[in-house]
Each structure stands twice: as structure tokens, then as C-alpha cells.
Amino acid sequence: MLKSIKNDLLEAGKGEGCITFQHLNELLPAEVKDPNDIEELFDFLSDNNIEIVTQEVSGKKKTLSGEDWTGKKGSDGDTVEVLPDSEEHESEETTTTYLREMGQFDLLTPEDEARYSKTIRGGFDSIIDAIREDTSGVKEISMLVERIDLWQRRDPTLKPKKQQLNYMRHCVLMAYRKYPDYRELFELNTKIEAYNRSIESAKDAMIRANLRLVVSIAKRYMHQGLTLADLIQEGNLGLMRAVFRFDYKKGNKFSTYASWWIRQAITRAILDKTRTIRLPVHFLELRSQFFKAFYSLLKELGREPTPVEISKMTDLPMDKILAILEASREPISLETPVGDDDSTLGDFLENQESESPYDAVQNRELSSRVVEVLSTLTEREEKIIRLRFGIGEAAEYTLEEIGKRFNVS
């Protein structure tokens, strides 16, 4: 599947030498969730000199703030020091304080980004080397080395992952607690904790410096079911993941790399937490494009546009337009009150699988009549009739089977 996706990406980006995040999201199917697959696609774009941009204005590539994310204001004057709308009840003290205090952290230069990324990668590699060089000979460490070898076979570059780092720390700590007299385990645990502190310090520096990047992206997803505070929180989770996986050696700007992870985290949270029925992640971009065209045509035409008109404006096929319309319907609870009495919506819906009262009474009356008639027969005759027609039996029997049972021809 990745091969066909790569061909689509190459076709979309080879002309301009760039591809927008929106287009990238549309080309990625919902099934592509593995970070390693996504990383491979990023590498493919980089190898083919295709840059990822947020939007294109007048044929010029525009990144997140109008220029690169270096603290300069973009041509559109966009600034991230914006307090939430009062009508959305986002003027809470905690959110306001967060937005105010995040400006205290300086933005990083490309050299700083490379230095911190190198610290994270170097610390992760040093932890692995220290575990491999351990001479304690305990079983737990040997098993951990085998697990690291397995990770490396799956991913030869063995990019840093938070789960793997925590797993290695936990295994070494448990081994040290089990064998407290082993000097080698004490030294190994001390080394790993020292490397981990340097990793956490570099990671925190990169996260703090890019908090404004998260806010600038989160603002674009307001009024879609989550508060600004929740959007920022989800975006920060994406930022933390990007910090660990960023590879400075490829020459990409961290803001360009991280913004995709931030957007993915936010869009996935919106779809997971705001709808009763979950929709695929890529559907959010399509819905946004659809409703933008809908309201634009509504103002232009003075009436609600038809699906055909929206399809022409957005270049989306009609089946996608109809799917978006269908998915935009809000679910209604069956417990919704109807009228002034205690009736609910569910009371007025017919259950096609339930037996009607008429059929139930008729079947009950027929059953009682059959029992009454059978009671007039002898025990042998009644048993034969019951077996033949399956009355009170597990199945109906043939005449031959009944004959064998009663020894008659």
C-alpha cells in the first residue's frame, strides 16, 4: 500500500516541488497509523526534494507563520499571542496564564534544534551501548539485549522512542533492585539515569520553545467541538512525539516536521472525542473544505447551494459530497422526549424483529387448542403426532424414523 501512496505523493508534489499538509492528509488513507510508515513517507518526500508546506499564497510557498517559524511575523500579520474568545468561555485563568507564560521561552535557532536533537539521539544510543557493554551477566540484562536486537532488526536505524526508553530504564532498575550487591548494575543504572536526564532536559527545551507553534495550529481548529485548552493539550502530545522522532541529520526544519504531528494529534482528538460515531481522520479535512465552500456559495447565491455546485467548487466527486452530507447529520437519542407526556422518540419506532400483539395472541390460542386436541388421544397416539410434527420436540421425525421407534412398519 505504501508504494501506491508514494506514487500519489510524487505525482502531487513533483510539479511545484511542494505539497500542502491538507493535500498530504487527503492522500494518506485512515489505515496508515504506524509512525514508522509515516516516517518512511516523510523520508520519501525529502529524498525527492518535495517540501511540505501549510498553504500556497499567490504561487508562493507559505509556512506556518508566513515565513519559517523563527519568531518573525508572517505577511498576514498572524500572531499567536491571542487570548481565547469570551463567547467560547475560554477566558479561564489557567488557559490565559498558559498563553501568557509560554511567551517567556525563546524560540530556537536551527543550530539549537540540531544540538538538542543530537543530545536526544546521542543519549538514547548511549543507553543502548551501556546495556550492551554490561558485564554483570544477569539474565534480565541478557533478555533486554535480545529485545534491543529485535528492535534493531525491525528498524535498523533504531530511532528513539519514549516507550522503548522507559522499558529499558524499567528493566535495568528491576534488575538492580533484584541484585543490589552487583556493582555493575549500580553503575549501569546510574549511567542510564544520567543519560535520561540529559534527554529530558533537551526534550523539554524543544517542547517549551515550540508551544506557540501548537497554539497557532490549535486556533485553526476552534469551534469544532473541543475548547482551545483541549486542542492545545492534544497538540502538545503530538509535539512531544515529534520531538523524540525528529532527525536533525536530514536537514528538515523542526517546525515543518512537528506541525504535521501536531495537526494529526488535534484532528484525531476532534474525531475521537466530539462525535458519537467516530469518523476517519482524513474526513475532517474534507468536511472543513466542504463547509467552507458551502458558506461561501451561500453568501454568493443567497440560498443554500446544491451538492452539484459544491462539487464543482471543491473539485470533490459527488460520492464524497454525499458521504460528507450523510456524516454531518447529528445522531439523535432514542430517549429524546416527544410531546408533553412521558413519550420518547423510541416509542414511535417500529421494531421489525418483534412479534406483533395479534400474532402473539393467535399463536398462544392455537397452541392451547392443539394441546386440548392431543389430550383426547391415547399416550401412544399423542407421542406419534408430536414426533411427526415436532410439537414439543427438538425436530420433526419422518414416518420411517417413527416406525422404527415404535416397531411398526
Protein backbone atom coordinates (compact mmCIF):
# COMPACT_ATOMS: atom_id res chain seq x y z
CA MET A 1 0.00 0.00 0.00
CA LEU A 2 2.88 2.38 0.79
CA LYS A 3 4.16 2.03 -2.77
CA SER A 4 0.91 3.35 -4.26
CA ILE A 5 0.83 6.17 -1.68
CA LYS A 6 4.39 7.16 -2.62
CA ASN A 7 3.41 7.27 -6.29
CA ASP A 8 0.47 9.53 -5.43
CA LEU A 9 2.69 11.82 -3.34
CA LEU A 10 5.29 12.01 -6.10
CA GLU A 11 2.62 12.84 -8.68
CA ALA A 12 1.12 15.53 -6.42
CA GLY A 13 4.38 17.23 -5.48
CA LYS A 14 6.76 16.89 -8.41
CA GLY A 15 5.30 19.85 -10.32
CA GLU A 16 5.65 22.58 -7.68
CA GLY A 17 8.28 20.83 -5.59
CA CYS A 18 5.98 21.02 -2.57
CA ILE A 19 2.78 19.56 -1.13
CA THR A 20 0.41 21.10 1.40
CA PHE A 21 -0.49 19.46 4.69
CA GLN A 22 -4.13 19.36 3.63
CA HIS A 23 -3.29 17.54 0.40
CA LEU A 24 -0.98 15.20 2.30
CA ASN A 25 -3.76 14.30 4.74
CA GLU A 26 -6.16 13.65 1.87
CA LEU A 27 -3.70 11.28 0.18
CA LEU A 28 -2.99 9.30 3.35
CA PRO A 29 -5.68 6.67 3.98
CA ALA A 30 -7.02 6.22 7.50
CA GLU A 31 -5.28 2.82 7.73
CA VAL A 32 -1.83 4.47 7.79
CA LYS A 33 -1.33 4.96 11.53
CA ASP A 34 2.08 3.37 12.19
CA PRO A 35 4.63 6.13 12.97
CA ASN A 36 7.29 4.14 11.13
CA ASP A 37 5.20 4.16 7.94
CA ILE A 38 4.61 7.90 8.30
CA GLU A 39 8.33 8.41 8.91
CA GLU A 40 9.10 6.46 5.73
CA LEU A 41 6.77 8.72 3.73
CA PHE A 42 8.47 11.83 5.16
CA ASP A 43 11.84 10.40 4.14
CA PHE A 44 10.49 9.66 0.66
CA LEU A 45 9.32 13.27 0.23
CA SER A 46 12.66 14.58 1.47
CA ASP A 47 14.64 12.29 -0.86
CA ASN A 48 12.60 13.57 -3.81
CA ASN A 49 13.06 17.24 -2.82
CA ILE A 50 9.34 17.71 -2.13
CA GLU A 51 8.77 20.20 0.67
CA ILE A 52 5.75 20.08 2.97
CA VAL A 53 4.07 23.48 3.36
CA THR A 54 0.92 24.64 5.12
CA GLN A 55 -0.65 26.56 2.22
CA GLU A 56 0.20 28.34 -1.01
CA VAL A 57 -0.49 32.03 -1.50
CA SER A 58 -0.09 33.61 -4.95
CA GLY A 59 2.02 30.69 -6.06
CA LYS A 60 4.49 31.19 -3.20
CA LYS A 61 5.03 28.64 -0.51
CA LYS A 62 3.91 29.79 2.89
CA THR A 63 4.88 28.09 6.12
CA LEU A 64 3.15 28.29 9.43
CA SER A 65 3.59 31.97 10.17
CA GLY A 66 4.07 33.38 6.71
CA GLU A 67 7.79 32.57 6.85
CA ASP A 68 9.79 29.92 8.68
CA TRP A 69 8.99 29.52 12.34
CA THR A 70 11.75 31.76 13.66
CA GLY A 71 9.73 34.23 15.62
CA LYS A 72 9.13 36.59 12.68
CA LYS A 73 5.61 37.71 11.92
CA GLY A 74 4.19 36.47 8.65
CA SER A 75 2.88 38.60 5.84
CA ASP A 76 -0.67 38.04 7.03
CA GLY A 77 0.20 39.52 10.39
CA ASP A 78 -0.74 36.34 12.19
CA THR A 79 0.42 36.23 15.77
CA VAL A 80 -0.05 33.51 18.33
CA GLU A 81 -0.42 35.78 21.36
CA VAL A 82 -4.18 35.74 21.09
CA LEU A 83 -6.47 35.19 24.05
CA PRO A 84 -9.47 32.88 23.60
CA ASP A 85 -12.91 34.16 22.62
CA SER A 86 -15.06 35.10 25.58
CA GLU A 87 -18.12 33.60 23.92
CA GLU A 88 -16.44 30.20 23.99
CA HIS A 89 -15.77 30.57 27.73
CA GLU A 90 -12.03 30.27 27.07
CA SER A 91 -11.04 33.18 29.31
CA GLU A 92 -10.41 30.87 32.23
CA GLU A 93 -7.49 31.80 34.39
CA THR A 94 -5.44 28.68 33.67
CA THR A 95 -5.66 29.00 29.89
CA THR A 96 -4.96 32.72 29.99
CA THR A 97 -1.96 32.18 32.24
CA TYR A 98 -0.66 29.44 29.96
CA LEU A 99 -0.89 31.62 26.87
CA ARG A 100 0.83 34.46 28.67
CA GLU A 101 3.65 32.47 30.20
CA MET A 102 4.58 30.45 27.14
CA GLY A 103 5.95 33.66 25.63
CA GLN A 104 8.75 33.59 28.20
CA PHE A 105 10.54 30.82 26.32
CA ASP A 106 12.81 31.87 23.48
CA LEU A 107 12.49 30.35 20.04
CA LEU A 108 15.27 28.05 18.90
CA THR A 109 17.62 28.59 16.01
CA PRO A 110 18.21 25.72 13.57
CA GLU A 111 21.55 25.18 15.29
CA ASP A 112 19.83 24.85 18.68
CA GLU A 113 17.32 22.39 17.25
CA ALA A 114 20.13 20.27 15.83
CA ARG A 115 22.05 20.40 19.12
CA TYR A 116 19.09 19.32 21.25
CA SER A 117 18.08 16.64 18.74
CA LYS A 118 21.64 15.35 18.76
CA THR A 119 21.52 15.20 22.57
CA ILE A 120 18.32 13.13 22.48
CA ARG A 121 19.63 10.74 19.84
CA GLY A 122 23.05 10.53 21.46
CA GLY A 123 21.60 9.84 24.89
CA PHE A 124 19.35 7.11 23.51
CA ASP A 125 22.25 5.45 21.67
CA SER A 126 24.48 5.75 24.76
CA ILE A 127 21.89 3.96 26.89
CA ILE A 128 21.78 1.10 24.37
CA ASP A 129 25.60 0.91 24.26
CA ALA A 130 25.80 0.86 28.06
CA ILE A 131 23.32 -2.03 28.25
CA ARG A 132 25.21 -3.99 25.58
CA GLU A 133 28.53 -3.45 27.42
CA ASP A 134 27.17 -4.61 30.79
CA THR A 135 29.32 -7.33 32.38
CA SER A 136 27.05 -8.37 35.25
CA GLY A 137 25.84 -11.43 33.36
CA VAL A 138 22.37 -11.42 34.96
CA LYS A 139 19.54 -12.99 33.00
CA GLU A 140 17.36 -9.85 32.95
CA ILE A 141 20.01 -7.78 31.16
CA SER A 142 20.69 -10.56 28.64
CA MET A 143 16.99 -10.70 27.81
CA LEU A 144 16.95 -6.91 27.45
CA VAL A 145 19.84 -7.09 24.96
CA GLU A 146 17.87 -9.66 22.94
CA ARG A 147 14.87 -7.33 22.94
CA ILE A 148 17.07 -4.45 21.69
CA ASP A 149 18.38 -6.71 18.91
CA LEU A 150 14.78 -7.42 17.93
CA TRP A 151 14.01 -3.69 17.79
CA GLN A 152 17.06 -3.16 15.60
CA ARG A 153 16.06 -5.90 13.17
CA ARG A 154 12.67 -4.26 12.77
CA ASP A 155 14.16 -0.76 12.46
CA PRO A 156 17.87 -0.76 11.52
CA THR A 157 18.19 2.95 12.40
CA LEU A 158 16.51 2.33 15.79
CA LYS A 159 15.04 5.81 16.14
CA PRO A 160 14.40 6.98 19.73
CA LYS A 161 11.01 6.07 21.14
CA LYS A 162 9.68 7.03 24.54
CA GLN A 163 8.17 3.57 25.13
CA GLN A 164 11.49 1.86 24.43
CA LEU A 165 13.40 4.26 26.66
CA ASN A 166 11.00 3.68 29.56
CA TYR A 167 11.17 -0.08 29.01
CA MET A 168 14.98 -0.13 29.17
CA ARG A 169 15.03 2.04 32.31
CA HIS A 170 12.45 -0.18 33.98
CA CYS A 171 14.29 -3.42 33.17
CA VAL A 172 17.62 -2.14 34.46
CA LEU A 173 16.05 -0.71 37.62
CA MET A 174 14.23 -4.00 38.35
CA ALA A 175 17.47 -5.95 37.81
CA TYR A 176 19.36 -3.62 40.17
CA ARG A 177 16.68 -3.98 42.86
CA LYS A 178 16.79 -7.77 42.48
CA TYR A 179 20.61 -7.90 42.68
CA PRO A 180 21.58 -4.89 44.84
CA ASP A 181 25.06 -6.30 45.53
CA TYR A 182 26.09 -6.19 41.86
CA ARG A 183 28.34 -3.16 41.42
CA GLU A 184 27.96 -3.38 37.62
CA LEU A 185 24.18 -2.96 37.85
CA PHE A 186 24.53 0.03 40.15
CA GLU A 187 26.88 1.74 37.68
CA LEU A 188 24.65 0.81 34.72
CA ASN A 189 21.54 2.23 36.40
CA THR A 190 23.44 5.40 37.34
CA LYS A 191 24.63 5.88 33.74
CA ILE A 192 21.18 5.34 32.28
CA GLU A 193 19.55 7.82 34.66
CA ALA A 194 22.22 10.41 33.82
CA TYR A 195 21.63 9.95 30.08
CA ASN A 196 17.88 10.08 30.66
CA ARG A 197 18.18 13.41 32.48
CA SER A 198 20.08 14.90 29.55
CA ILE A 199 17.42 13.56 27.15
CA GLU A 200 14.59 15.00 29.24
CA SER A 201 16.37 18.35 29.51
CA ALA A 202 16.84 18.61 25.72
CA LYS A 203 13.30 17.40 25.08
CA ASP A 204 11.80 19.95 27.48
CA ALA A 205 13.78 22.76 25.85
CA MET A 206 12.47 21.86 22.37
CA ILE A 207 8.90 21.48 23.64
CA ARG A 208 8.88 24.81 25.50
CA ALA A 209 10.31 26.65 22.51
CA ASN A 210 7.56 25.33 20.23
CA LEU A 211 4.50 25.81 22.46
CA ARG A 212 3.48 28.81 20.36
CA LEU A 213 3.59 26.64 17.26
CA VAL A 214 0.99 24.37 18.88
CA VAL A 215 -1.27 27.32 19.73
CA SER A 216 -1.05 28.76 16.22
CA ILE A 217 -2.21 25.43 14.78
CA ALA A 218 -4.80 24.76 17.51
CA LYS A 219 -6.53 28.11 16.83
CA ARG A 220 -7.45 26.92 13.35
CA TYR A 221 -9.50 24.06 14.77
CA MET A 222 -11.63 26.06 17.19
CA HIS A 223 -15.44 25.79 17.14
CA GLN A 224 -15.27 22.14 16.09
CA GLY A 225 -16.31 20.58 19.39
CA LEU A 226 -13.23 20.99 21.59
CA THR A 227 -12.19 24.00 23.65
CA LEU A 228 -8.95 25.79 22.87
CA ALA A 229 -7.41 24.38 26.05
CA ASP A 230 -8.21 20.82 24.94
CA LEU A 231 -6.90 21.49 21.43
CA ILE A 232 -3.64 22.84 22.85
CA GLN A 233 -3.30 19.83 25.12
CA GLU A 234 -3.78 17.38 22.25
CA GLY A 235 -1.39 19.37 20.07
CA ASN A 236 1.24 19.26 22.81
CA LEU A 237 1.00 15.45 22.81
CA GLY A 238 1.75 15.48 19.08
CA LEU A 239 4.63 17.90 19.68
CA MET A 240 6.18 15.60 22.29
CA ARG A 241 6.04 12.70 19.88
CA ALA A 242 7.65 14.78 17.15
CA VAL A 243 10.50 15.87 19.44
CA PHE A 244 11.51 12.26 20.05
CA ARG A 245 11.33 11.23 16.40
CA PHE A 246 12.95 14.29 14.79
CA ASP A 247 16.16 13.52 12.90
CA TYR A 248 18.34 16.61 12.52
CA LYS A 249 20.61 14.83 10.01
CA LYS A 250 18.01 15.08 7.25
CA GLY A 251 18.19 18.86 7.20
CA ASN A 252 14.47 19.47 7.78
CA LYS A 253 13.25 22.31 9.97
CA PHE A 254 11.75 21.00 13.17
CA SER A 255 8.69 23.27 12.88
CA THR A 256 7.83 21.77 9.49
CA TYR A 257 8.22 18.24 10.82
CA ALA A 258 6.41 18.85 14.12
CA SER A 259 3.45 20.69 12.62
CA TRP A 260 2.26 17.53 10.86
CA TRP A 261 2.33 15.52 14.09
CA ILE A 262 0.53 18.34 15.91
CA ARG A 263 -2.20 18.53 13.27
CA GLN A 264 -2.63 14.76 13.29
CA ALA A 265 -2.99 14.69 17.09
CA ILE A 266 -5.56 17.51 17.05
CA THR A 267 -7.67 16.16 14.18
CA ARG A 268 -7.69 12.68 15.67
CA ALA A 269 -8.80 14.07 19.04
CA ILE A 270 -11.62 16.06 17.44
CA LEU A 271 -12.96 12.98 15.69
CA ASP A 272 -12.47 10.70 18.70
CA LYS A 273 -13.96 12.95 21.37
CA THR A 274 -16.61 15.10 19.73
CA ARG A 275 -18.75 12.60 17.85
CA THR A 276 -20.92 9.72 19.00
CA ILE A 277 -19.96 7.83 15.83
CA ARG A 278 -16.27 8.11 15.02
CA LEU A 279 -15.24 9.17 11.51
CA PRO A 280 -11.88 8.60 9.76
CA VAL A 281 -9.26 11.27 10.42
CA HIS A 282 -8.99 12.38 6.79
CA PHE A 283 -12.73 13.10 6.82
CA LEU A 284 -12.18 16.18 9.00
CA GLU A 285 -10.22 17.94 6.26
CA LEU A 286 -12.89 17.05 3.70
CA ARG A 287 -15.66 18.35 5.97
CA SER A 288 -13.75 21.57 6.54
CA GLN A 289 -13.27 22.04 2.79
CA PHE A 290 -16.94 21.20 2.16
CA PHE A 291 -18.40 23.66 4.66
CA LYS A 292 -16.01 26.42 3.64
CA ALA A 293 -17.35 26.12 0.09
CA PHE A 294 -20.93 25.77 1.40
CA TYR A 295 -20.91 29.07 3.30
CA SER A 296 -19.03 30.85 0.53
CA LEU A 297 -21.68 29.83 -2.01
CA LEU A 298 -24.44 30.62 0.49
CA LYS A 299 -23.29 34.24 0.64
CA GLU A 300 -22.73 34.44 -3.10
CA LEU A 301 -26.02 32.87 -4.22
CA GLY A 302 -28.28 33.99 -1.39
CA ARG A 303 -29.54 30.42 -0.96
CA GLU A 304 -28.27 27.03 0.06
CA PRO A 305 -26.02 25.61 -2.69
CA THR A 306 -26.78 22.24 -4.21
CA PRO A 307 -24.37 19.29 -3.87
CA VAL A 308 -23.52 19.67 -7.57
CA GLU A 309 -22.48 23.32 -7.07
CA ILE A 310 -20.35 22.42 -4.07
CA SER A 311 -18.74 19.58 -6.02
CA LYS A 312 -17.77 21.94 -8.84
CA MET A 313 -16.25 24.48 -6.43
CA THR A 314 -14.27 21.96 -4.36
CA ASP A 315 -13.40 19.50 -7.17
CA LEU A 316 -14.61 16.72 -4.90
CA PRO A 317 -16.51 13.83 -6.53
CA MET A 318 -20.24 13.61 -5.90
CA ASP A 319 -19.94 10.42 -3.86
CA LYS A 320 -17.63 12.23 -1.42
CA ILE A 321 -20.03 15.19 -1.22
CA LEU A 322 -22.96 12.90 -0.45
CA ALA A 323 -20.88 10.99 2.11
CA ILE A 324 -19.97 14.25 3.88
CA LEU A 325 -23.62 15.31 3.95
CA GLU A 326 -24.61 11.95 5.39
CA ALA A 327 -21.84 12.02 8.00
CA SER A 328 -22.72 15.58 9.05
CA ARG A 329 -26.07 14.50 10.45
CA GLU A 330 -26.09 14.62 14.22
CA PRO A 331 -27.20 11.41 15.98
CA ILE A 332 -30.44 11.70 17.98
CA SER A 333 -31.00 9.77 21.20
CA LEU A 334 -33.92 7.34 21.31
CA GLU A 335 -34.65 8.80 24.75
CA THR A 336 -35.41 12.24 23.29
CA PRO A 337 -38.76 13.41 24.78
CA VAL A 338 -41.66 13.78 22.35
CA GLY A 339 -44.69 15.92 23.22
CA ASP A 340 -45.77 16.95 26.70
CA ASP A 341 -46.19 13.46 28.14
CA ASP A 342 -43.56 10.87 29.01
CA SER A 343 -43.24 9.57 25.44
CA THR A 344 -39.80 9.27 23.84
CA LEU A 345 -38.67 9.00 20.24
CA GLY A 346 -38.04 5.29 20.68
CA ASP A 347 -41.72 4.71 21.44
CA PHE A 348 -42.65 5.71 17.88
CA LEU A 349 -40.13 3.48 16.08
CA GLU A 350 -41.36 0.10 14.87
CA ASN A 351 -39.32 -2.94 15.83
CA GLN A 352 -39.41 -5.12 12.73
CA GLU A 353 -37.98 -8.11 14.61
CA SER A 354 -40.52 -8.22 17.45
CA GLU A 355 -43.73 -10.27 17.22
CA SER A 356 -46.92 -8.27 16.77
CA PRO A 357 -49.53 -8.50 19.57
CA TYR A 358 -52.03 -10.04 17.13
CA ASP A 359 -49.64 -12.82 16.10
CA ALA A 360 -48.70 -13.47 19.72
CA VAL A 361 -52.36 -13.91 20.78
CA GLN A 362 -53.14 -16.05 17.72
CA ASN A 363 -50.17 -18.35 18.32
CA ARG A 364 -50.99 -18.70 22.00
CA GLU A 365 -54.64 -19.56 21.19
CA LEU A 366 -53.58 -22.09 18.53
CA SER A 367 -51.13 -23.71 20.92
CA SER A 368 -53.77 -24.16 23.61
CA ARG A 369 -56.21 -25.70 21.06
CA VAL A 370 -53.57 -28.19 19.86
CA VAL A 371 -52.81 -29.26 23.43
CA GLU A 372 -56.53 -29.66 24.05
CA VAL A 373 -56.97 -31.91 20.99
CA LEU A 374 -53.89 -34.01 21.81
CA SER A 375 -55.24 -34.66 25.28
CA THR A 376 -58.14 -36.60 23.72
CA LEU A 377 -55.73 -39.17 22.21
CA THR A 378 -54.02 -42.11 23.82
CA GLU A 379 -50.49 -41.63 25.11
CA ARG A 380 -49.04 -43.62 22.16
CA GLU A 381 -51.08 -41.68 19.57
CA GLU A 382 -50.17 -38.34 21.16
CA LYS A 383 -46.46 -39.22 21.11
CA ILE A 384 -46.61 -40.21 17.43
CA ILE A 385 -48.35 -36.95 16.48
CA ARG A 386 -45.86 -34.90 18.50
CA LEU A 387 -42.88 -36.64 16.86
CA ARG A 388 -44.33 -36.32 13.35
CA PHE A 389 -44.98 -32.58 13.59
CA GLY A 390 -42.26 -31.65 16.08
CA ILE A 391 -44.69 -30.45 18.75
CA GLY A 392 -42.65 -30.06 21.91
CA GLU A 393 -39.75 -31.91 20.26
CA ALA A 394 -36.33 -30.75 19.05
CA ALA A 395 -37.18 -31.65 15.42
CA GLU A 396 -39.75 -33.28 13.16
CA TYR A 397 -39.34 -37.03 12.55
CA THR A 398 -40.06 -38.93 9.32
CA LEU A 399 -42.58 -41.79 9.21
CA GLU A 400 -39.71 -44.26 8.84
CA GLU A 401 -37.98 -42.93 11.97
CA ILE A 402 -41.24 -43.05 13.96
CA GLY A 403 -41.91 -46.63 12.72
CA LYS A 404 -38.51 -47.82 13.91
CA ARG A 405 -39.04 -46.18 17.27
CA PHE A 406 -42.42 -47.89 17.83
CA ASN A 407 -41.50 -51.12 15.98
CA VAL A 408 -44.21 -50.74 13.34
CA SER A 409 -43.98 -50.74 9.55
